[in-house]
């Protein structure tokens, strides 16, 4: 079994546990919000802090600048591709309204940059510490998400969208870099670092359980019900855009743009990622067609074990 399939099946298995837990009322309807708060405000910051402050390679590398820049630029490219794609292919009364197009663009434009990418990278490159550089890359993706994605959903950019950038994970990245580059990390007691590492290691499995629970909530709310022809069109067009056209563009650009070998590995993995589930949460808060985003995201996730394996087989060794 290839590492990509192994990592993808790992993600699906843990997410399935969350789905079943919600169905059996272990995670009750509506309680996913508490898990989301725990994940964003405690677990992810612990993972970020332990990964960055224990990675001295950042001190002698340009990844601290290049990784977030590439994260932002490539997500911006995905949104541009998706916008053009939606203009050309989303036709008909059931697909062409502006809200639906904005939702489609958002669903396809944001890749699953964390919950799936982290276990895939850890499985593909077990001997290399790429989680720290990946989290730096994700800073740029976060900025793109809270600016480009939120603006796309709302149809405008405002101060509220900009303020959302200052969330706990983003602030933790900045704080961790200050601790690292100032040398303060040398004076952090080992018990504190071990504690942050232990807490951070729970972020990915709990995040994946939350993904499964969220899917179960969506099914219970009937978000996947409706006209069959519309659903089929969204699935086909979403997979064509997210799993074929965008990776082709990314692979071509990654091959041409000068960047370090470690960053290239991260970017190739990001190119193969499915659509991000978090856009469903964004659409509930900032507007948009939740059903459209959910359909595209779920379809993308379901085929991701195959698509990730295919695309990463083309990754240069």
C-alpha atoms as a PDB file:
ATOM      1  CA  UNK A   1       0.000   0.000   0.000  1.00  0.00           C
ATOM      2  CA  UNK A   2       1.400   3.418  -0.975  1.00  0.00           C
ATOM      3  CA  UNK A   3       2.070   5.989   1.790  1.00  0.00           C
ATOM      4  CA  UNK A   4      -0.513   8.339   0.246  1.00  0.00           C
ATOM      5  CA  UNK A   5      -3.268   5.701   0.327  1.00  0.00           C
ATOM      6  CA  UNK A   6      -2.226   4.705   3.855  1.00  0.00           C
ATOM      7  CA  UNK A   7      -2.434   8.314   5.058  1.00  0.00           C
ATOM      8  CA  UNK A   8      -5.740   8.919   3.260  1.00  0.00           C
ATOM      9  CA  UNK A   9      -7.331   5.799   4.702  1.00  0.00           C
ATOM     10  CA  UNK A  10      -6.058   6.825   8.140  1.00  0.00           C
ATOM     11  CA  UNK A  11      -7.870  10.147   7.720  1.00  0.00           C
ATOM     12  CA  UNK A  12     -11.069   8.450   6.549  1.00  0.00           C
ATOM     13  CA  UNK A  13     -10.975   5.895   9.381  1.00  0.00           C
ATOM     14  CA  UNK A  14     -10.607   8.505  12.125  1.00  0.00           C
ATOM     15  CA  UNK A  15     -13.267  10.713  10.503  1.00  0.00           C
ATOM     16  CA  UNK A  16     -15.571   7.692  10.334  1.00  0.00           C
ATOM     17  CA  UNK A  17     -15.123   7.280  14.090  1.00  0.00           C
ATOM     18  CA  UNK A  18     -16.374  10.853  14.544  1.00  0.00           C
ATOM     19  CA  UNK A  19     -19.296  10.200  12.189  1.00  0.00           C
ATOM     20  CA  UNK A  20     -20.340   7.090  14.148  1.00  0.00           C
ATOM     21  CA  UNK A  21     -19.819   8.833  17.500  1.00  0.00           C
ATOM     22  CA  UNK A  22     -22.226  11.570  16.414  1.00  0.00           C
ATOM     23  CA  UNK A  23     -24.767   9.066  15.089  1.00  0.00           C
ATOM     24  CA  UNK A  24     -24.655   7.218  18.422  1.00  0.00           C
ATOM     25  CA  UNK A  25     -25.005  10.488  20.383  1.00  0.00           C
ATOM     26  CA  UNK A  26     -21.544  10.172  21.934  1.00  0.00           C
ATOM     27  CA  UNK A  27     -21.040  13.589  20.322  1.00  0.00           C
ATOM     28  CA  UNK A  28     -24.468  15.183  20.552  1.00  0.00           C
ATOM     29  CA  UNK A  29     -26.077  17.355  17.885  1.00  0.00           C
ATOM     30  CA  UNK A  30     -24.770  20.896  18.197  1.00  0.00           C
ATOM     31  CA  UNK A  31     -21.815  19.978  20.431  1.00  0.00           C
ATOM     32  CA  UNK A  32     -19.314  20.191  17.570  1.00  0.00           C
ATOM     33  CA  UNK A  33     -18.964  23.914  18.314  1.00  0.00           C
ATOM     34  CA  UNK A  34     -17.304  23.102  21.663  1.00  0.00           C
ATOM     35  CA  UNK A  35     -14.874  20.725  19.971  1.00  0.00           C
ATOM     36  CA  UNK A  36     -14.103  23.369  17.358  1.00  0.00           C
ATOM     37  CA  UNK A  37     -13.278  25.916  20.090  1.00  0.00           C
ATOM     38  CA  UNK A  38     -11.032  23.399  21.846  1.00  0.00           C
ATOM     39  CA  UNK A  39      -9.276  22.605  18.586  1.00  0.00           C
ATOM     40  CA  UNK A  40      -8.729  26.200  17.459  1.00  0.00           C
ATOM     41  CA  UNK A  41      -7.947  27.796  20.827  1.00  0.00           C
ATOM     42  CA  UNK A  42      -5.943  25.050  22.589  1.00  0.00           C
ATOM     43  CA  UNK A  43      -4.871  22.038  20.520  1.00  0.00           C
ATOM     44  CA  UNK A  44      -3.722  23.729  17.290  1.00  0.00           C
ATOM     45  CA  UNK A  45      -1.789  26.463  19.164  1.00  0.00           C
ATOM     46  CA  UNK A  46      -0.006  23.725  21.160  1.00  0.00           C
ATOM     47  CA  UNK A  47       0.887  21.891  17.939  1.00  0.00           C
ATOM     48  CA  UNK A  48       2.115  25.086  16.304  1.00  0.00           C
ATOM     49  CA  UNK A  49       4.182  26.172  19.325  1.00  0.00           C
ATOM     50  CA  UNK A  50       5.892  22.810  19.787  1.00  0.00           C
ATOM     51  CA  UNK A  51       6.572  22.377  16.047  1.00  0.00           C
ATOM     52  CA  UNK A  52       8.083  25.825  15.451  1.00  0.00           C
ATOM     53  CA  UNK A  53      10.052  26.409  18.665  1.00  0.00           C
ATOM     54  CA  UNK A  54      11.738  23.005  18.338  1.00  0.00           C
ATOM     55  CA  UNK A  55      12.748  23.523  14.722  1.00  0.00           C
ATOM     56  CA  UNK A  56      16.090  25.350  14.727  1.00  0.00           C
ATOM     57  CA  UNK A  57      16.369  24.924  10.948  1.00  0.00           C
ATOM     58  CA  UNK A  58      14.134  27.979  10.619  1.00  0.00           C
ATOM     59  CA  UNK A  59      17.009  30.098  11.964  1.00  0.00           C
ATOM     60  CA  UNK A  60      19.139  29.427   8.893  1.00  0.00           C
ATOM     61  CA  UNK A  61      16.410  29.182   6.267  1.00  0.00           C
ATOM     62  CA  UNK A  62      14.253  31.496   4.202  1.00  0.00           C
ATOM     63  CA  UNK A  63      11.232  29.243   4.755  1.00  0.00           C
ATOM     64  CA  UNK A  64       9.933  31.627   7.390  1.00  0.00           C
ATOM     65  CA  UNK A  65       9.250  34.134   4.583  1.00  0.00           C
ATOM     66  CA  UNK A  66       8.876  31.955   1.492  1.00  0.00           C
ATOM     67  CA  UNK A  67       6.515  29.320   2.926  1.00  0.00           C
ATOM     68  CA  UNK A  68       3.659  31.689   3.931  1.00  0.00           C
ATOM     69  CA  UNK A  69       4.127  33.684   0.720  1.00  0.00           C
ATOM     70  CA  UNK A  70       3.679  30.545  -1.394  1.00  0.00           C
ATOM     71  CA  UNK A  71       0.697  29.521   0.733  1.00  0.00           C
ATOM     72  CA  UNK A  72      -1.079  32.797   0.045  1.00  0.00           C
ATOM     73  CA  UNK A  73      -0.112  33.031  -3.634  1.00  0.00           C
ATOM     74  CA  UNK A  74      -1.145  29.501  -4.564  1.00  0.00           C
ATOM     75  CA  UNK A  75      -4.529  29.731  -2.817  1.00  0.00           C
ATOM     76  CA  UNK A  76      -5.090  33.012  -4.671  1.00  0.00           C
ATOM     77  CA  UNK A  77      -4.342  31.180  -7.928  1.00  0.00           C
ATOM     78  CA  UNK A  78      -6.842  28.455  -6.989  1.00  0.00           C
ATOM     79  CA  UNK A  79      -9.538  31.088  -6.454  1.00  0.00           C
ATOM     80  CA  UNK A  80      -8.745  32.712  -9.794  1.00  0.00           C
ATOM     81  CA  UNK A  81      -8.937  29.375 -11.615  1.00  0.00           C
ATOM     82  CA  UNK A  82     -12.188  28.505  -9.830  1.00  0.00           C
ATOM     83  CA  UNK A  83     -13.704  31.902 -10.641  1.00  0.00           C
ATOM     84  CA  UNK A  84     -13.002  31.480 -14.362  1.00  0.00           C
ATOM     85  CA  UNK A  85     -14.222  27.870 -14.238  1.00  0.00           C
ATOM     86  CA  UNK A  86     -17.484  28.886 -12.552  1.00  0.00           C
ATOM     87  CA  UNK A  87     -18.060  31.655 -15.115  1.00  0.00           C
ATOM     88  CA  UNK A  88     -17.679  29.171 -17.965  1.00  0.00           C
ATOM     89  CA  UNK A  89     -19.316  25.993 -16.646  1.00  0.00           C
ATOM     90  CA  UNK A  90     -21.876  26.925 -13.973  1.00  0.00           C
ATOM     91  CA  UNK A  91     -24.862  27.477 -16.227  1.00  0.00           C
ATOM     92  CA  UNK A  92     -28.572  26.948 -15.891  1.00  0.00           C
ATOM     93  CA  UNK A  93     -31.159  28.271 -13.450  1.00  0.00           C
ATOM     94  CA  UNK A  94     -30.076  25.939 -10.644  1.00  0.00           C
ATOM     95  CA  UNK A  95     -26.341  26.754 -10.777  1.00  0.00           C
ATOM     96  CA  UNK A  96     -25.766  30.221 -12.223  1.00  0.00           C
ATOM     97  CA  UNK A  97     -27.043  32.485  -9.425  1.00  0.00           C
ATOM     98  CA  UNK A  98     -24.283  34.664  -7.899  1.00  0.00           C
ATOM     99  CA  UNK A  99     -24.488  33.136  -4.398  1.00  0.00           C
ATOM    100  CA  UNK A 100     -24.075  29.624  -5.769  1.00  0.00           C
ATOM    101  CA  UNK A 101     -21.110  30.670  -7.923  1.00  0.00           C
ATOM    102  CA  UNK A 102     -19.379  32.373  -4.996  1.00  0.00           C
ATOM    103  CA  UNK A 103     -19.917  29.275  -2.873  1.00  0.00           C
ATOM    104  CA  UNK A 104     -18.568  26.970  -5.587  1.00  0.00           C
ATOM    105  CA  UNK A 105     -15.464  29.144  -6.007  1.00  0.00           C
ATOM    106  CA  UNK A 106     -14.851  29.124  -2.248  1.00  0.00           C
ATOM    107  CA  UNK A 107     -15.303  25.356  -1.949  1.00  0.00           C
ATOM    108  CA  UNK A 108     -12.875  24.650  -4.789  1.00  0.00           C
ATOM    109  CA  UNK A 109     -10.433  27.450  -3.973  1.00  0.00           C
ATOM    110  CA  UNK A 110      -9.544  26.306  -0.436  1.00  0.00           C
ATOM    111  CA  UNK A 111      -7.657  23.031  -0.106  1.00  0.00           C
ATOM    112  CA  UNK A 112      -7.640  20.922   3.064  1.00  0.00           C
ATOM    113  CA  UNK A 113      -4.302  22.359   4.124  1.00  0.00           C
ATOM    114  CA  UNK A 114      -4.075  20.949   7.665  1.00  0.00           C
ATOM    115  CA  UNK A 115      -6.130  17.978   8.822  1.00  0.00           C
ATOM    116  CA  UNK A 116      -5.304  15.808   5.813  1.00  0.00           C
ATOM    117  CA  UNK A 117      -1.993  17.385   4.774  1.00  0.00           C
ATOM    118  CA  UNK A 118      -0.304  16.861   8.160  1.00  0.00           C
ATOM    119  CA  UNK A 119      -0.808  13.059   8.364  1.00  0.00           C
ATOM    120  CA  UNK A 120      -0.006  12.680   4.641  1.00  0.00           C
ATOM    121  CA  UNK A 121       3.283  14.580   5.002  1.00  0.00           C
ATOM    122  CA  UNK A 122       4.160  12.766   8.245  1.00  0.00           C
ATOM    123  CA  UNK A 123       3.615   9.418   6.503  1.00  0.00           C
ATOM    124  CA  UNK A 124       5.397  10.310   3.259  1.00  0.00           C
ATOM    125  CA  UNK A 125       8.431  11.921   4.921  1.00  0.00           C
ATOM    126  CA  UNK A 126       8.814  10.288   8.357  1.00  0.00           C
ATOM    127  CA  UNK A 127      12.537  11.098   8.633  1.00  0.00           C
ATOM    128  CA  UNK A 128      12.149  14.813   7.905  1.00  0.00           C
ATOM    129  CA  UNK A 129      10.715  17.491  10.169  1.00  0.00           C
ATOM    130  CA  UNK A 130       8.338  19.076   7.662  1.00  0.00           C
ATOM    131  CA  UNK A 131       5.464  19.820  10.056  1.00  0.00           C
ATOM    132  CA  UNK A 132       7.043  23.122  11.156  1.00  0.00           C
ATOM    133  CA  UNK A 133       7.543  24.352   7.559  1.00  0.00           C
ATOM    134  CA  UNK A 134       4.032  23.125   6.722  1.00  0.00           C
ATOM    135  CA  UNK A 135       2.577  25.215   9.548  1.00  0.00           C
ATOM    136  CA  UNK A 136       4.515  28.234   8.276  1.00  0.00           C
ATOM    137  CA  UNK A 137       3.030  27.627   4.818  1.00  0.00           C
ATOM    138  CA  UNK A 138      -0.388  27.428   6.454  1.00  0.00           C
ATOM    139  CA  UNK A 139       0.011  30.974   7.832  1.00  0.00           C
ATOM    140  CA  UNK A 140      -0.277  32.249   4.262  1.00  0.00           C
ATOM    141  CA  UNK A 141      -3.241  29.959   3.627  1.00  0.00           C
ATOM    142  CA  UNK A 142      -4.941  31.268   6.788  1.00  0.00           C
ATOM    143  CA  UNK A 143      -4.524  34.855   5.593  1.00  0.00           C
ATOM    144  CA  UNK A 144      -5.985  33.899   2.214  1.00  0.00           C
ATOM    145  CA  UNK A 145      -8.883  32.105   3.897  1.00  0.00           C
ATOM    146  CA  UNK A 146      -9.876  35.010   6.165  1.00  0.00           C
ATOM    147  CA  UNK A 147      -9.494  37.581   3.387  1.00  0.00           C
ATOM    148  CA  UNK A 148     -10.099  36.063  -0.064  1.00  0.00           C
ATOM    149  CA  UNK A 149     -12.450  33.227   0.975  1.00  0.00           C
ATOM    150  CA  UNK A 150     -14.533  35.313   3.380  1.00  0.00           C
ATOM    151  CA  UNK A 151     -14.730  38.191   0.901  1.00  0.00           C
ATOM    152  CA  UNK A 152     -15.826  35.807  -1.842  1.00  0.00           C
ATOM    153  CA  UNK A 153     -18.636  34.426   0.321  1.00  0.00           C
ATOM    154  CA  UNK A 154     -19.798  37.866   1.439  1.00  0.00           C
ATOM    155  CA  UNK A 155     -19.327  39.440  -1.971  1.00  0.00           C
ATOM    156  CA  UNK A 156     -17.152  42.165  -0.379  1.00  0.00           C
ATOM    157  CA  UNK A 157     -14.134  42.690   1.900  1.00  0.00           C
ATOM    158  CA  UNK A 158     -14.547  44.567   5.172  1.00  0.00           C
ATOM    159  CA  UNK A 159     -12.888  45.171   8.545  1.00  0.00           C
ATOM    160  CA  UNK A 160     -14.592  42.154  10.085  1.00  0.00           C
ATOM    161  CA  UNK A 161     -12.939  39.835   7.559  1.00  0.00           C
ATOM    162  CA  UNK A 162      -9.530  41.353   8.302  1.00  0.00           C
ATOM    163  CA  UNK A 163     -10.067  41.017  12.038  1.00  0.00           C
ATOM    164  CA  UNK A 164     -10.683  37.282  11.666  1.00  0.00           C
ATOM    165  CA  UNK A 165      -7.016  36.821  10.699  1.00  0.00           C
ATOM    166  CA  UNK A 166      -6.024  37.450  14.315  1.00  0.00           C
ATOM    167  CA  UNK A 167      -7.173  34.051  15.564  1.00  0.00           C
ATOM    168  CA  UNK A 168      -5.378  31.872  18.115  1.00  0.00           C
ATOM    169  CA  UNK A 169      -3.387  29.748  15.607  1.00  0.00           C
ATOM    170  CA  UNK A 170      -2.168  32.823  13.700  1.00  0.00           C
ATOM    171  CA  UNK A 171      -1.143  34.659  16.882  1.00  0.00           C
ATOM    172  CA  UNK A 172       0.611  31.503  18.113  1.00  0.00           C
ATOM    173  CA  UNK A 173       2.668  31.316  14.911  1.00  0.00           C
ATOM    174  CA  UNK A 174       3.881  34.907  15.383  1.00  0.00           C
ATOM    175  CA  UNK A 175       4.585  34.342  19.088  1.00  0.00           C
ATOM    176  CA  UNK A 176       6.437  31.071  18.369  1.00  0.00           C
ATOM    177  CA  UNK A 177       8.642  32.761  15.769  1.00  0.00           C
ATOM    178  CA  UNK A 178       9.527  35.510  18.262  1.00  0.00           C
ATOM    179  CA  UNK A 179      10.421  32.857  20.854  1.00  0.00           C
ATOM    180  CA  UNK A 180      12.554  30.993  18.307  1.00  0.00           C
ATOM    181  CA  UNK A 181      14.416  33.916  16.724  1.00  0.00           C
ATOM    182  CA  UNK A 182      15.013  35.689  20.045  1.00  0.00           C
ATOM    183  CA  UNK A 183      16.607  32.566  21.501  1.00  0.00           C
ATOM    184  CA  UNK A 184      14.091  32.399  24.336  1.00  0.00           C
ATOM    185  CA  UNK A 185      13.277  28.803  23.328  1.00  0.00           C
ATOM    186  CA  UNK A 186      16.560  27.708  24.926  1.00  0.00           C
ATOM    187  CA  UNK A 187      15.231  28.679  28.369  1.00  0.00           C
ATOM    188  CA  UNK A 188      11.841  26.956  28.145  1.00  0.00           C
ATOM    189  CA  UNK A 189      11.684  24.143  30.747  1.00  0.00           C
ATOM    190  CA  UNK A 190      11.631  20.644  29.201  1.00  0.00           C
ATOM    191  CA  UNK A 191       8.411  19.736  31.058  1.00  0.00           C
ATOM    192  CA  UNK A 192       6.614  22.662  29.366  1.00  0.00           C
ATOM    193  CA  UNK A 193       7.840  21.674  25.900  1.00  0.00           C
ATOM    194  CA  UNK A 194       6.878  18.051  26.510  1.00  0.00           C
ATOM    195  CA  UNK A 195       3.433  19.168  27.682  1.00  0.00           C
ATOM    196  CA  UNK A 196       2.830  21.361  24.629  1.00  0.00           C
ATOM    197  CA  UNK A 197       4.003  18.566  22.342  1.00  0.00           C
ATOM    198  CA  UNK A 198       1.700  16.036  24.036  1.00  0.00           C
ATOM    199  CA  UNK A 199      -1.313  18.364  23.785  1.00  0.00           C
ATOM    200  CA  UNK A 200      -0.468  19.312  20.197  1.00  0.00           C
ATOM    201  CA  UNK A 201      -0.281  15.680  19.089  1.00  0.00           C
ATOM    202  CA  UNK A 202      -3.991  15.326  19.869  1.00  0.00           C
ATOM    203  CA  UNK A 203      -4.952  18.133  17.458  1.00  0.00           C
ATOM    204  CA  UNK A 204      -5.016  16.031  14.297  1.00  0.00           C
ATOM    205  CA  UNK A 205      -7.066  13.030  15.543  1.00  0.00           C
ATOM    206  CA  UNK A 206      -9.550  15.275  17.354  1.00  0.00           C
ATOM    207  CA  UNK A 207      -9.777  17.517  14.288  1.00  0.00           C
ATOM    208  CA  UNK A 208     -10.547  14.501  12.095  1.00  0.00           C
ATOM    209  CA  UNK A 209     -13.148  13.224  14.574  1.00  0.00           C
ATOM    210  CA  UNK A 210     -14.720  16.686  14.365  1.00  0.00           C
ATOM    211  CA  UNK A 211     -14.806  16.413  10.560  1.00  0.00           C
ATOM    212  CA  UNK A 212     -16.748  13.149  10.823  1.00  0.00           C
ATOM    213  CA  UNK A 213     -19.147  14.584  13.405  1.00  0.00           C
ATOM    214  CA  UNK A 214     -19.752  17.647  11.205  1.00  0.00           C
ATOM    215  CA  UNK A 215     -20.562  15.406   8.239  1.00  0.00           C
ATOM    216  CA  UNK A 216     -23.084  13.526  10.353  1.00  0.00           C
ATOM    217  CA  UNK A 217     -24.699  16.821  11.400  1.00  0.00           C
ATOM    218  CA  UNK A 218     -24.961  17.872   7.764  1.00  0.00           C
ATOM    219  CA  UNK A 219     -26.666  14.615   6.814  1.00  0.00           C
ATOM    220  CA  UNK A 220     -29.148  15.001   9.677  1.00  0.00           C
ATOM    221  CA  UNK A 221     -29.889  18.573   8.589  1.00  0.00           C
ATOM    222  CA  UNK A 222     -30.713  17.343   5.082  1.00  0.00           C
ATOM    223  CA  UNK A 223     -28.055  19.423   3.331  1.00  0.00           C
ATOM    224  CA  UNK A 224     -27.511  16.697   0.733  1.00  0.00           C
ATOM    225  CA  UNK A 225     -31.149  16.407  -0.240  1.00  0.00           C
ATOM    226  CA  UNK A 226     -32.554  18.117  -3.304  1.00  0.00           C
ATOM    227  CA  UNK A 227     -32.691  17.880  -7.073  1.00  0.00           C
ATOM    228  CA  UNK A 228     -30.533  14.944  -8.225  1.00  0.00           C
ATOM    229  CA  UNK A 229     -29.401  16.589 -11.463  1.00  0.00           C
ATOM    230  CA  UNK A 230     -28.070  19.624  -9.578  1.00  0.00           C
ATOM    231  CA  UNK A 231     -26.187  17.407  -7.146  1.00  0.00           C
ATOM    232  CA  UNK A 232     -24.602  15.395  -9.970  1.00  0.00           C
ATOM    233  CA  UNK A 233     -23.564  18.562 -11.826  1.00  0.00           C
ATOM    234  CA  UNK A 234     -21.943  20.032  -8.716  1.00  0.00           C
ATOM    235  CA  UNK A 235     -20.088  16.796  -7.941  1.00  0.00           C
ATOM    236  CA  UNK A 236     -18.743  16.402 -11.493  1.00  0.00           C
ATOM    237  CA  UNK A 237     -17.791  20.066 -11.921  1.00  0.00           C
ATOM    238  CA  UNK A 238     -16.329  20.304  -8.429  1.00  0.00           C
ATOM    239  CA  UNK A 239     -14.130  17.233  -8.909  1.00  0.00           C
ATOM    240  CA  UNK A 240     -13.023  18.380 -12.353  1.00  0.00           C
ATOM    241  CA  UNK A 241     -11.948  21.759 -11.004  1.00  0.00           C
ATOM    242  CA  UNK A 242     -10.561  20.825  -7.557  1.00  0.00           C
ATOM    243  CA  UNK A 243      -9.005  17.438  -8.298  1.00  0.00           C
ATOM    244  CA  UNK A 244      -7.797  17.872 -11.884  1.00  0.00           C
ATOM    245  CA  UNK A 245      -7.451  21.439 -13.174  1.00  0.00           C
ATOM    246  CA  UNK A 246      -6.067  23.079 -10.019  1.00  0.00           C
ATOM    247  CA  UNK A 247      -3.425  20.355  -9.363  1.00  0.00           C
ATOM    248  CA  UNK A 248      -2.253  20.589 -12.979  1.00  0.00           C
ATOM    249  CA  UNK A 249      -1.749  24.339 -12.579  1.00  0.00           C
ATOM    250  CA  UNK A 250      -0.023  23.928  -9.206  1.00  0.00           C
ATOM    251  CA  UNK A 251       2.355  21.189 -10.401  1.00  0.00           C
ATOM    252  CA  UNK A 252       3.380  23.297 -13.393  1.00  0.00           C
ATOM    253  CA  UNK A 253       4.033  26.387 -11.244  1.00  0.00           C
ATOM    254  CA  UNK A 254       5.876  24.461  -8.505  1.00  0.00           C
ATOM    255  CA  UNK A 255       8.236  23.039 -11.132  1.00  0.00           C
ATOM    256  CA  UNK A 256       9.002  26.548 -12.455  1.00  0.00           C
ATOM    257  CA  UNK A 257       9.216  28.648  -9.256  1.00  0.00           C
ATOM    258  CA  UNK A 258      12.560  28.508  -7.401  1.00  0.00           C
ATOM    259  CA  UNK A 259      12.048  27.243  -3.829  1.00  0.00           C
ATOM    260  CA  UNK A 260      13.767  24.898  -1.389  1.00  0.00           C
ATOM    261  CA  UNK A 261      13.342  21.110  -1.796  1.00  0.00           C
ATOM    262  CA  UNK A 262      11.437  20.908   1.523  1.00  0.00           C
ATOM    263  CA  UNK A 263       8.983  23.604   0.463  1.00  0.00           C
ATOM    264  CA  UNK A 264       8.494  21.938  -2.922  1.00  0.00           C
ATOM    265  CA  UNK A 265       7.519  18.698  -1.161  1.00  0.00           C
ATOM    266  CA  UNK A 266       4.980  20.590   0.929  1.00  0.00           C
ATOM    267  CA  UNK A 267       3.571  22.377  -2.117  1.00  0.00           C
ATOM    268  CA  UNK A 268       3.220  19.156  -4.126  1.00  0.00           C
ATOM    269  CA  UNK A 269       1.276  17.578  -1.247  1.00  0.00           C
ATOM    270  CA  UNK A 270      -0.903  20.704  -0.966  1.00  0.00           C
ATOM    271  CA  UNK A 271      -1.621  20.527  -4.717  1.00  0.00           C
ATOM    272  CA  UNK A 272      -3.055  17.026  -4.256  1.00  0.00           C
ATOM    273  CA  UNK A 273      -5.300  17.938  -1.313  1.00  0.00           C
ATOM    274  CA  UNK A 274      -9.111  17.814  -1.556  1.00  0.00           C
ATOM    275  CA  UNK A 275     -11.415  20.732  -0.792  1.00  0.00           C
ATOM    276  CA  UNK A 276     -11.424  22.068   2.772  1.00  0.00           C
ATOM    277  CA  UNK A 277     -14.285  21.148   5.088  1.00  0.00           C
ATOM    278  CA  UNK A 278     -13.824  24.364   7.052  1.00  0.00           C
ATOM    279  CA  UNK A 279     -15.430  26.314   4.210  1.00  0.00           C
ATOM    280  CA  UNK A 280     -18.733  24.798   5.382  1.00  0.00           C
ATOM    281  CA  UNK A 281     -18.232  26.542   8.725  1.00  0.00           C
ATOM    282  CA  UNK A 282     -17.259  29.752   6.934  1.00  0.00           C
ATOM    283  CA  UNK A 283     -20.391  29.678   4.791  1.00  0.00           C
ATOM    284  CA  UNK A 284     -22.595  29.342   7.861  1.00  0.00           C
ATOM    285  CA  UNK A 285     -20.982  32.432   9.369  1.00  0.00           C
ATOM    286  CA  UNK A 286     -20.326  34.646   6.333  1.00  0.00           C
ATOM    287  CA  UNK A 287     -23.149  33.623   4.020  1.00  0.00           C
ATOM    288  CA  UNK A 288     -23.208  31.583   0.846  1.00  0.00           C
ATOM    289  CA  UNK A 289     -24.907  28.377  -0.225  1.00  0.00           C
ATOM    290  CA  UNK A 290     -24.017  25.829   2.480  1.00  0.00           C
ATOM    291  CA  UNK A 291     -25.447  22.962   0.451  1.00  0.00           C
ATOM    292  CA  UNK A 292     -23.242  23.720  -2.553  1.00  0.00           C
ATOM    293  CA  UNK A 293     -20.105  23.926  -0.439  1.00  0.00           C
ATOM    294  CA  UNK A 294     -20.981  20.743   1.462  1.00  0.00           C
ATOM    295  CA  UNK A 295     -21.616  18.763  -1.737  1.00  0.00           C
ATOM    296  CA  UNK A 296     -18.332  19.820  -3.348  1.00  0.00           C
ATOM    297  CA  UNK A 297     -16.319  19.287  -0.153  1.00  0.00           C
ATOM    298  CA  UNK A 298     -17.734  15.835   0.606  1.00  0.00           C
ATOM    299  CA  UNK A 299     -17.331  14.608  -2.989  1.00  0.00           C
ATOM    300  CA  UNK A 300     -13.751  15.859  -3.028  1.00  0.00           C
ATOM    301  CA  UNK A 301     -12.997  14.156   0.292  1.00  0.00           C
ATOM    302  CA  UNK A 302     -14.520  10.829  -0.770  1.00  0.00           C
ATOM    303  CA  UNK A 303     -12.323  10.494  -3.866  1.00  0.00           C
ATOM    304  CA  UNK A 304      -9.227  11.937  -2.161  1.00  0.00           C
ATOM    305  CA  UNK A 305      -7.486   8.603  -1.394  1.00  0.00           C
ATOM    306  CA  UNK A 306      -7.374   7.892  -5.129  1.00  0.00           C
ATOM    307  CA  UNK A 307      -6.639  11.442  -6.302  1.00  0.00           C
ATOM    308  CA  UNK A 308      -3.906  12.039  -3.699  1.00  0.00           C
ATOM    309  CA  UNK A 309      -2.184   8.771  -4.663  1.00  0.00           C
ATOM    310  CA  UNK A 310      -2.335   9.560  -8.364  1.00  0.00           C
ATOM    311  CA  UNK A 311      -1.011  13.102  -8.043  1.00  0.00           C
ATOM    312  CA  UNK A 312       1.761  12.256  -5.578  1.00  0.00           C
ATOM    313  CA  UNK A 313       2.957   9.484  -7.900  1.00  0.00           C
ATOM    314  CA  UNK A 314       3.989  12.352 -10.245  1.00  0.00           C
ATOM    315  CA  UNK A 315       5.898  14.157  -7.474  1.00  0.00           C
ATOM    316  CA  UNK A 316       9.637  14.311  -8.266  1.00  0.00           C
ATOM    317  CA  UNK A 317      11.723  12.190  -5.888  1.00  0.00           C
END
